[in-house]
Structure formats: C-alpha cells, structure tokens
Amino acid sequence: MELKFAGCDVLIIEGKAEKPTYVWIKDGKVQSAAPKGVGHENHGLPADHQNELNDQNVRIACIGPAGET
C-alpha cells in the first residue's frame, strides 16, 4: 500500500547490485544510493533512517546482514 501511495504500481528488482544499495521511492521517482548501516542488524535501522531524514512517515523494508552476502 505504501508503494502505491509513493506513486508505484509495481516494483521489480532483478539481479544483484555490485555493492550494497538502497532504493528510494518518492513521488513516483526512483533513485538508488549506497546505504549507511551496512552490516548492522535490522531492529534499529528504520528508526535511524527516519530520524536522519527527519520524517517519521518514511517506510523502510530491510533485508539485514543475511541478504548482504
């Protein structure tokens, strides 16, 4: 539902990035960048990003260290 609110009907991610990457979707625009927090557990990461962006409405899906290998 949050993706729909961001302007996306479908999100397909294929393959593997050469380095850790995050996907940022806002107002129907998609960007990617290197994330902070690589190698950290998931439990505090969403709140850290919400605080960093000063936006408590940001929604985050994390794969954690298991998905980084």
PDB file of N, CA and C in Angstrom:
ATOM      1  N   MET A   1       0.818  -1.174   0.000  1.00  0.00           N
ATOM      2  CA  MET A   1       0.000   0.000   0.000  1.00  0.00           C
ATOM      3  C   MET A   1       0.876   1.256   0.000  1.00  0.00           C
ATOM      4  N   GLU A   2       1.967   1.219   0.748  1.00  0.00           N
ATOM      5  CA  GLU A   2       2.846   2.384   0.816  1.00  0.00           C
ATOM      6  C   GLU A   2       3.479   2.684  -0.544  1.00  0.00           C
ATOM      7  N   LEU A   3       3.806   1.631  -1.313  1.00  0.00           N
ATOM      8  CA  LEU A   3       4.352   1.856  -2.650  1.00  0.00           C
ATOM      9  C   LEU A   3       3.333   2.557  -3.539  1.00  0.00           C
ATOM     10  N   LYS A   4       2.099   2.178  -3.451  1.00  0.00           N
ATOM     11  CA  LYS A   4       1.038   2.811  -4.231  1.00  0.00           C
ATOM     12  C   LYS A   4       0.939   4.286  -3.869  1.00  0.00           C
ATOM     13  N   PHE A   5       1.006   4.596  -2.590  1.00  0.00           N
ATOM     14  CA  PHE A   5       0.962   5.993  -2.153  1.00  0.00           C
ATOM     15  C   PHE A   5       2.169   6.775  -2.676  1.00  0.00           C
ATOM     16  N   ALA A   6       3.298   6.083  -2.890  1.00  0.00           N
ATOM     17  CA  ALA A   6       4.507   6.729  -3.409  1.00  0.00           C
ATOM     18  C   ALA A   6       4.468   6.869  -4.925  1.00  0.00           C
ATOM     19  N   GLY A   7       3.410   6.366  -5.552  1.00  0.00           N
ATOM     20  CA  GLY A   7       3.268   6.518  -6.992  1.00  0.00           C
ATOM     21  C   GLY A   7       3.694   5.314  -7.799  1.00  0.00           C
ATOM     22  N   CYS A   8       3.912   4.165  -7.163  1.00  0.00           N
ATOM     23  CA  CYS A   8       4.342   2.953  -7.869  1.00  0.00           C
ATOM     24  C   CYS A   8       3.228   1.925  -7.888  1.00  0.00           C
ATOM     25  N   ASP A   9       2.955   1.385  -9.073  1.00  0.00           N
ATOM     26  CA  ASP A   9       2.000   0.289  -9.187  1.00  0.00           C
ATOM     27  C   ASP A   9       2.703  -1.048  -9.016  1.00  0.00           C
ATOM     28  N   VAL A  10       3.949  -1.130  -9.489  1.00  0.00           N
ATOM     29  CA  VAL A  10       4.718  -2.374  -9.447  1.00  0.00           C
ATOM     30  C   VAL A  10       6.178  -2.030  -9.171  1.00  0.00           C
ATOM     31  N   LEU A  11       6.837  -2.861  -8.384  1.00  0.00           N
ATOM     32  CA  LEU A  11       8.270  -2.714  -8.157  1.00  0.00           C
ATOM     33  C   LEU A  11       8.919  -4.064  -8.403  1.00  0.00           C
ATOM     34  N   ILE A  12       9.790  -4.120  -9.391  1.00  0.00           N
ATOM     35  CA  ILE A  12      10.513  -5.354  -9.701  1.00  0.00           C
ATOM     36  C   ILE A  12      12.000  -5.064  -9.565  1.00  0.00           C
ATOM     37  N   ILE A  13      12.668  -5.831  -8.732  1.00  0.00           N
ATOM     38  CA  ILE A  13      14.115  -5.703  -8.565  1.00  0.00           C
ATOM     39  C   ILE A  13      14.721  -7.016  -9.012  1.00  0.00           C
ATOM     40  N   GLU A  14      15.596  -6.952 -10.006  1.00  0.00           N
ATOM     41  CA  GLU A  14      16.225  -8.161 -10.539  1.00  0.00           C
ATOM     42  C   GLU A  14      17.733  -8.066 -10.399  1.00  0.00           C
ATOM     43  N   GLY A  15      18.360  -9.218 -10.291  1.00  0.00           N
ATOM     44  CA  GLY A  15      19.816  -9.276 -10.258  1.00  0.00           C
ATOM     45  C   GLY A  15      20.388  -8.895  -8.915  1.00  0.00           C
ATOM     46  N   LYS A  16      21.668  -8.606  -8.931  1.00  0.00           N
ATOM     47  CA  LYS A  16      22.406  -8.293  -7.711  1.00  0.00           C
ATOM     48  C   LYS A  16      23.225  -7.032  -7.941  1.00  0.00           C
ATOM     49  N   ALA A  17      23.143  -6.103  -7.013  1.00  0.00           N
ATOM     50  CA  ALA A  17      23.935  -4.883  -7.101  1.00  0.00           C
ATOM     51  C   ALA A  17      25.406  -5.211  -6.843  1.00  0.00           C
ATOM     52  N   GLU A  18      26.287  -4.438  -7.441  1.00  0.00           N
ATOM     53  CA  GLU A  18      27.722  -4.658  -7.242  1.00  0.00           C
ATOM     54  C   GLU A  18      28.163  -4.302  -5.837  1.00  0.00           C
ATOM     55  N   LYS A  19      27.436  -3.404  -5.194  1.00  0.00           N
ATOM     56  CA  LYS A  19      27.735  -3.003  -3.818  1.00  0.00           C
ATOM     57  C   LYS A  19      26.411  -2.804  -3.093  1.00  0.00           C
ATOM     58  N   PRO A  20      26.422  -2.756  -1.769  1.00  0.00           N
ATOM     59  CA  PRO A  20      25.167  -2.529  -1.041  1.00  0.00           C
ATOM     60  C   PRO A  20      24.476  -1.267  -1.546  1.00  0.00           C
ATOM     61  N   THR A  21      23.180  -1.366  -1.723  1.00  0.00           N
ATOM     62  CA  THR A  21      22.404  -0.290  -2.334  1.00  0.00           C
ATOM     63  C   THR A  21      21.047  -0.190  -1.667  1.00  0.00           C
ATOM     64  N   TYR A  22      20.519   1.018  -1.600  1.00  0.00           N
ATOM     65  CA  TYR A  22      19.125   1.149  -1.205  1.00  0.00           C
ATOM     66  C   TYR A  22      18.353   1.802  -2.334  1.00  0.00           C
ATOM     67  N   VAL A  23      17.074   1.547  -2.361  1.00  0.00           N
ATOM     68  CA  VAL A  23      16.183   2.116  -3.368  1.00  0.00           C
ATOM     69  C   VAL A  23      15.282   3.112  -2.653  1.00  0.00           C
ATOM     70  N   TRP A  24      15.253   4.330  -3.147  1.00  0.00           N
ATOM     71  CA  TRP A  24      14.449   5.398  -2.560  1.00  0.00           C
ATOM     72  C   TRP A  24      13.345   5.744  -3.552  1.00  0.00           C
ATOM     73  N   ILE A  25      12.103   5.652  -3.128  1.00  0.00           N
ATOM     74  CA  ILE A  25      10.963   5.955  -3.986  1.00  0.00           C
ATOM     75  C   ILE A  25      10.176   7.083  -3.332  1.00  0.00           C
ATOM     76  N   LYS A  26      10.010   8.171  -4.075  1.00  0.00           N
ATOM     77  CA  LYS A  26       9.233   9.297  -3.551  1.00  0.00           C
ATOM     78  C   LYS A  26       8.573  10.019  -4.714  1.00  0.00           C
ATOM     79  N   ASP A  27       7.291  10.233  -4.585  1.00  0.00           N
ATOM     80  CA  ASP A  27       6.521  10.947  -5.603  1.00  0.00           C
ATOM     81  C   ASP A  27       6.696  10.335  -6.988  1.00  0.00           C
ATOM     82  N   GLY A  28       6.736   9.004  -7.050  1.00  0.00           N
ATOM     83  CA  GLY A  28       6.833   8.305  -8.321  1.00  0.00           C
ATOM     84  C   GLY A  28       8.220   8.270  -8.932  1.00  0.00           C
ATOM     85  N   LYS A  29       9.202   8.845  -8.258  1.00  0.00           N
ATOM     86  CA  LYS A  29      10.582   8.841  -8.763  1.00  0.00           C
ATOM     87  C   LYS A  29      11.391   7.824  -7.978  1.00  0.00           C
ATOM     88  N   VAL A  30      12.250   7.087  -8.692  1.00  0.00           N
ATOM     89  CA  VAL A  30      13.065   6.043  -8.080  1.00  0.00           C
ATOM     90  C   VAL A  30      14.531   6.427  -8.177  1.00  0.00           C
ATOM     91  N   GLN A  31      15.228   6.333  -7.050  1.00  0.00           N
ATOM     92  CA  GLN A  31      16.667   6.604  -7.004  1.00  0.00           C
ATOM     93  C   GLN A  31      17.330   5.477  -6.233  1.00  0.00           C
ATOM     94  N   SER A  32      18.625   5.308  -6.439  1.00  0.00           N
ATOM     95  CA  SER A  32      19.373   4.341  -5.632  1.00  0.00           C
ATOM     96  C   SER A  32      20.666   4.995  -5.173  1.00  0.00           C
ATOM     97  N   ALA A  33      21.171   4.520  -4.057  1.00  0.00           N
ATOM     98  CA  ALA A  33      22.392   5.065  -3.474  1.00  0.00           C
ATOM     99  C   ALA A  33      22.986   4.053  -2.516  1.00  0.00           C
ATOM    100  N   ALA A  34      24.218   4.306  -2.090  1.00  0.00           N
ATOM    101  CA  ALA A  34      24.859   3.444  -1.096  1.00  0.00           C
ATOM    102  C   ALA A  34      24.281   3.768   0.274  1.00  0.00           C
ATOM    103  N   PRO A  35      23.894   2.753   1.028  1.00  0.00           N
ATOM    104  CA  PRO A  35      23.263   2.998   2.328  1.00  0.00           C
ATOM    105  C   PRO A  35      24.262   3.157   3.461  1.00  0.00           C
ATOM    106  N   LYS A  36      23.804   3.782   4.513  1.00  0.00           N
ATOM    107  CA  LYS A  36      24.510   3.731   5.793  1.00  0.00           C
ATOM    108  C   LYS A  36      23.942   2.518   6.509  1.00  0.00           C
ATOM    109  N   GLY A  37      24.658   1.958   7.432  1.00  0.00           N
ATOM    110  CA  GLY A  37      24.111   0.864   8.220  1.00  0.00           C
ATOM    111  C   GLY A  37      24.389  -0.510   7.652  1.00  0.00           C
ATOM    112  N   VAL A  38      25.276  -0.603   6.666  1.00  0.00           N
ATOM    113  CA  VAL A  38      25.605  -1.916   6.119  1.00  0.00           C
ATOM    114  C   VAL A  38      26.260  -2.747   7.212  1.00  0.00           C
ATOM    115  N   GLY A  39      25.831  -3.990   7.344  1.00  0.00           N
ATOM    116  CA  GLY A  39      26.392  -4.888   8.344  1.00  0.00           C
ATOM    117  C   GLY A  39      25.726  -4.795   9.704  1.00  0.00           C
ATOM    118  N   HIS A  40      24.714  -3.946   9.835  1.00  0.00           N
ATOM    119  CA  HIS A  40      24.022  -3.789  11.105  1.00  0.00           C
ATOM    120  C   HIS A  40      22.734  -4.605  11.111  1.00  0.00           C
ATOM    121  N   GLU A  41      22.277  -4.922  12.290  1.00  0.00           N
ATOM    122  CA  GLU A  41      21.008  -5.634  12.431  1.00  0.00           C
ATOM    123  C   GLU A  41      19.850  -4.717  12.036  1.00  0.00           C
ATOM    124  N   ASN A  42      18.708  -5.317  11.753  1.00  0.00           N
ATOM    125  CA  ASN A  42      17.544  -4.553  11.292  1.00  0.00           C
ATOM    126  C   ASN A  42      16.818  -3.781  12.378  1.00  0.00           C
ATOM    127  N   HIS A  43      16.880  -4.235  13.629  1.00  0.00           N
ATOM    128  CA  HIS A  43      15.955  -3.729  14.644  1.00  0.00           C
ATOM    129  C   HIS A  43      16.003  -2.209  14.839  1.00  0.00           C
ATOM    130  N   GLY A  44      17.112  -1.550  14.677  1.00  0.00           N
ATOM    131  CA  GLY A  44      17.166  -0.096  14.870  1.00  0.00           C
ATOM    132  C   GLY A  44      17.259   0.698  13.590  1.00  0.00           C
ATOM    133  N   LEU A  45      17.461   0.023  12.481  1.00  0.00           N
ATOM    134  CA  LEU A  45      17.718   0.703  11.216  1.00  0.00           C
ATOM    135  C   LEU A  45      16.570   1.589  10.743  1.00  0.00           C
ATOM    136  N   PRO A  46      15.323   1.127  10.726  1.00  0.00           N
ATOM    137  CA  PRO A  46      14.244   2.013  10.270  1.00  0.00           C
ATOM    138  C   PRO A  46      14.154   3.306  11.078  1.00  0.00           C
ATOM    139  N   ALA A  47      14.210   3.221  12.385  1.00  0.00           N
ATOM    140  CA  ALA A  47      14.128   4.427  13.217  1.00  0.00           C
ATOM    141  C   ALA A  47      15.321   5.340  12.961  1.00  0.00           C
ATOM    142  N   ASP A  48      16.503   4.772  12.764  1.00  0.00           N
ATOM    143  CA  ASP A  48      17.689   5.572  12.467  1.00  0.00           C
ATOM    144  C   ASP A  48      17.480   6.375  11.188  1.00  0.00           C
ATOM    145  N   HIS A  49      16.955   5.727  10.155  1.00  0.00           N
ATOM    146  CA  HIS A  49      16.729   6.415   8.884  1.00  0.00           C
ATOM    147  C   HIS A  49      15.618   7.458   9.004  1.00  0.00           C
ATOM    148  N   GLN A  50      14.570   7.139   9.735  1.00  0.00           N
ATOM    149  CA  GLN A  50      13.500   8.113   9.928  1.00  0.00           C
ATOM    150  C   GLN A  50      14.027   9.356  10.633  1.00  0.00           C
ATOM    151  N   ASN A  51      14.866   9.163  11.638  1.00  0.00           N
ATOM    152  CA  ASN A  51      15.440  10.294  12.367  1.00  0.00           C
ATOM    153  C   ASN A  51      16.410  11.082  11.489  1.00  0.00           C
ATOM    154  N   GLU A  52      17.227  10.371  10.722  1.00  0.00           N
ATOM    155  CA  GLU A  52      18.195  11.022   9.839  1.00  0.00           C
ATOM    156  C   GLU A  52      17.476  11.891   8.793  1.00  0.00           C
ATOM    157  N   LEU A  53      16.365  11.395   8.276  1.00  0.00           N
ATOM    158  CA  LEU A  53      15.604  12.116   7.259  1.00  0.00           C
ATOM    159  C   LEU A  53      14.616  13.109   7.868  1.00  0.00           C
ATOM    160  N   ASN A  54      14.510  13.086   9.196  1.00  0.00           N
ATOM    161  CA  ASN A  54      13.569  13.943   9.919  1.00  0.00           C
ATOM    162  C   ASN A  54      12.149  13.766   9.381  1.00  0.00           C
ATOM    163  N   ASP A  55      11.782  12.500   9.135  1.00  0.00           N
ATOM    164  CA  ASP A  55      10.461  12.188   8.591  1.00  0.00           C
ATOM    165  C   ASP A  55       9.995  10.854   9.158  1.00  0.00           C
ATOM    166  N   GLN A  56       9.070  10.897  10.101  1.00  0.00           N
ATOM    167  CA  GLN A  56       8.574   9.671  10.728  1.00  0.00           C
ATOM    168  C   GLN A  56       7.598   8.911   9.838  1.00  0.00           C
ATOM    169  N   ASN A  57       7.240   9.475   8.684  1.00  0.00           N
ATOM    170  CA  ASN A  57       6.339   8.803   7.756  1.00  0.00           C
ATOM    171  C   ASN A  57       7.069   7.934   6.743  1.00  0.00           C
ATOM    172  N   VAL A  58       8.397   7.957   6.750  1.00  0.00           N
ATOM    173  CA  VAL A  58       9.183   7.123   5.844  1.00  0.00           C
ATOM    174  C   VAL A  58       8.963   5.660   6.207  1.00  0.00           C
ATOM    175  N   ARG A  59       8.757   4.810   5.217  1.00  0.00           N
ATOM    176  CA  ARG A  59       8.597   3.372   5.430  1.00  0.00           C
ATOM    177  C   ARG A  59       9.814   2.666   4.874  1.00  0.00           C
ATOM    178  N   ILE A  60      10.317   1.691   5.613  1.00  0.00           N
ATOM    179  CA  ILE A  60      11.573   1.040   5.264  1.00  0.00           C
ATOM    180  C   ILE A  60      11.414  -0.475   5.315  1.00  0.00           C
ATOM    181  N   ALA A  61      11.904  -1.135   4.303  1.00  0.00           N
ATOM    182  CA  ALA A  61      11.981  -2.602   4.279  1.00  0.00           C
ATOM    183  C   ALA A  61      13.461  -2.959   4.239  1.00  0.00           C
ATOM    184  N   CYS A  62      13.923  -3.739   5.199  1.00  0.00           N
ATOM    185  CA  CYS A  62      15.345  -4.074   5.327  1.00  0.00           C
ATOM    186  C   CYS A  62      15.558  -5.559   5.084  1.00  0.00           C
ATOM    187  N   ILE A  63      16.674  -5.905   4.472  1.00  0.00           N
ATOM    188  CA  ILE A  63      16.988  -7.322   4.298  1.00  0.00           C
ATOM    189  C   ILE A  63      17.980  -7.809   5.339  1.00  0.00           C
ATOM    190  N   GLY A  64      18.743  -6.902   5.945  1.00  0.00           N
ATOM    191  CA  GLY A  64      19.667  -7.261   7.011  1.00  0.00           C
ATOM    192  C   GLY A  64      20.920  -7.948   6.513  1.00  0.00           C
ATOM    193  N   PRO A  65      21.805  -8.331   7.457  1.00  0.00           N
ATOM    194  CA  PRO A  65      23.098  -8.918   7.109  1.00  0.00           C
ATOM    195  C   PRO A  65      22.994 -10.186   6.280  1.00  0.00           C
ATOM    196  N   ALA A  66      21.955 -10.979   6.473  1.00  0.00           N
ATOM    197  CA  ALA A  66      21.826 -12.226   5.699  1.00  0.00           C
ATOM    198  C   ALA A  66      21.681 -11.949   4.206  1.00  0.00           C
ATOM    199  N   GLY A  67      21.056 -10.849   3.858  1.00  0.00           N
ATOM    200  CA  GLY A  67      20.871 -10.502   2.455  1.00  0.00           C
ATOM    201  C   GLY A  67      22.036  -9.731   1.868  1.00  0.00           C
ATOM    202  N   GLU A  68      23.018  -9.397   2.682  1.00  0.00           N
ATOM    203  CA  GLU A  68      24.156  -8.626   2.213  1.00  0.00           C
ATOM    204  C   GLU A  68      25.278  -9.489   1.676  1.00  0.00           C
ATOM    205  N   THR A  69      25.158 -10.792   1.817  1.00  0.00           N
ATOM    206  CA  THR A  69      26.247 -11.657   1.356  1.00  0.00           C
ATOM    207  C   THR A  69      26.042 -12.130  -0.042  1.00  0.00           C
TER     208      THR A  69
END
